[in-house]
Amino acid sequence: MLIRNKDDLFESSRSSLGLAVENFFVHMFVLGVEVEMSEKYRGNLDWLEDMEARCYSDNKANAEKYGFEYMSTETISEKLQQMDLVIPF
């Protein structure tokens, strides 16, 4: 799941959860924005973590404040090329 717009963060996390529930390996990439954490969004991220989904961001603040794995844009590009399916949100 590839997210570039703050307005899509919550709905994309819900979509990621739906894929994880259906036994897809989920990698959620938040690009270029800092997350605005809410209780509902935190709950979704916790649930994703429980389901062994990975949450990455090229924004260091997301890694420092919210537990995302920091990844440079170049590394994200390389990782995306290894994916079977990329869903832009």
Protein backbone atom coordinates (compact mmCIF):
# COMPACT_ATOMS: atom_id res chain seq x y z
CA MET A 1 0.00 0.00 0.00
CA LEU A 2 1.52 3.30 -1.10
CA ILE A 3 0.17 6.43 0.63
CA ARG A 4 1.17 9.97 -0.28
CA ASN A 5 -1.74 12.04 1.02
CA LYS A 6 -2.52 12.75 4.70
CA ASP A 7 -6.24 12.53 3.98
CA ASP A 8 -5.81 8.89 2.90
CA LEU A 9 -3.89 7.62 5.94
CA PHE A 10 -6.81 6.20 7.91
CA GLU A 11 -8.65 4.59 4.98
CA SER A 12 -5.44 3.11 3.61
CA SER A 13 -4.70 1.55 6.99
CA ARG A 14 -8.18 -0.01 6.95
CA SER A 15 -7.55 -1.37 3.45
CA SER A 16 -4.20 -2.74 4.60
CA LEU A 17 -5.95 -4.49 7.49
CA GLY A 18 -8.44 -6.02 5.08
CA LEU A 19 -5.63 -7.44 2.98
CA ALA A 20 -3.81 -8.75 6.05
CA VAL A 21 -6.98 -10.47 7.27
CA GLU A 22 -7.16 -12.23 3.89
CA ASN A 23 -3.58 -13.52 4.42
CA PHE A 24 -1.78 -11.11 2.11
CA PHE A 25 1.67 -9.95 3.20
CA VAL A 26 1.16 -6.21 3.70
CA HIS A 27 3.77 -3.49 3.50
CA MET A 28 2.41 0.01 4.03
CA PHE A 29 4.56 2.89 2.76
CA VAL A 30 3.79 6.45 3.93
CA LEU A 31 5.64 8.87 1.67
CA GLY A 32 6.34 12.56 2.13
CA VAL A 33 3.88 13.28 4.93
CA GLU A 34 3.95 13.21 8.71
CA VAL A 35 1.24 11.13 10.28
CA GLU A 36 -1.40 12.86 12.38
CA MET A 37 -1.94 10.20 15.02
CA SER A 38 -5.43 9.54 16.30
CA GLU A 39 -6.66 6.83 18.61
CA LYS A 40 -8.34 4.99 15.71
CA TYR A 41 -5.25 5.20 13.49
CA ARG A 42 -3.03 4.01 16.35
CA GLY A 43 -5.37 1.06 16.83
CA ASN A 44 -5.09 0.16 13.14
CA LEU A 45 -1.30 0.37 13.26
CA ASP A 46 -1.22 -1.83 16.36
CA TRP A 47 -3.46 -4.37 14.67
CA LEU A 48 -1.27 -4.31 11.54
CA GLU A 49 1.76 -4.98 13.73
CA ASP A 50 -0.04 -7.92 15.37
CA MET A 51 -0.70 -9.32 11.88
CA GLU A 52 3.00 -8.99 10.98
CA ALA A 53 2.42 -6.20 8.46
CA ARG A 54 5.26 -3.72 7.98
CA CYS A 55 4.88 0.07 8.08
CA TYR A 56 7.57 2.17 6.41
CA SER A 57 8.03 5.90 5.91
CA ASP A 58 10.55 8.19 4.28
CA ASN A 59 9.71 10.75 6.97
CA LYS A 60 12.01 10.34 9.96
CA ALA A 61 9.44 11.93 12.27
CA ASN A 62 7.08 9.00 11.62
CA ALA A 63 9.81 6.58 12.65
CA GLU A 64 10.82 8.54 15.74
CA LYS A 65 7.32 9.35 17.00
CA TYR A 66 5.12 6.51 15.79
CA GLY A 67 7.25 3.42 15.25
CA PHE A 68 7.36 3.32 11.46
CA GLU A 69 10.49 1.83 9.97
CA TYR A 70 12.46 4.64 8.32
CA MET A 71 13.46 3.95 4.75
CA SER A 72 15.01 6.33 2.25
CA THR A 73 13.13 7.05 -0.96
CA GLU A 74 15.78 5.17 -2.93
CA THR A 75 15.44 2.09 -0.73
CA ILE A 76 11.64 2.27 -0.93
CA SER A 77 11.94 2.35 -4.72
CA GLU A 78 14.08 -0.79 -4.68
CA LYS A 79 11.69 -2.55 -2.29
CA LEU A 80 8.64 -1.66 -4.40
CA GLN A 81 10.28 -3.27 -7.43
CA GLN A 82 10.33 -6.57 -5.52
CA MET A 83 6.58 -6.48 -4.81
CA ASP A 84 4.08 -8.55 -6.78
CA LEU A 85 1.33 -5.95 -6.32
CA VAL A 86 1.53 -2.25 -5.42
CA ILE A 87 -1.67 -0.41 -4.52
CA PRO A 88 -1.41 3.36 -4.70
CA PHE A 89 -3.84 5.07 -2.38
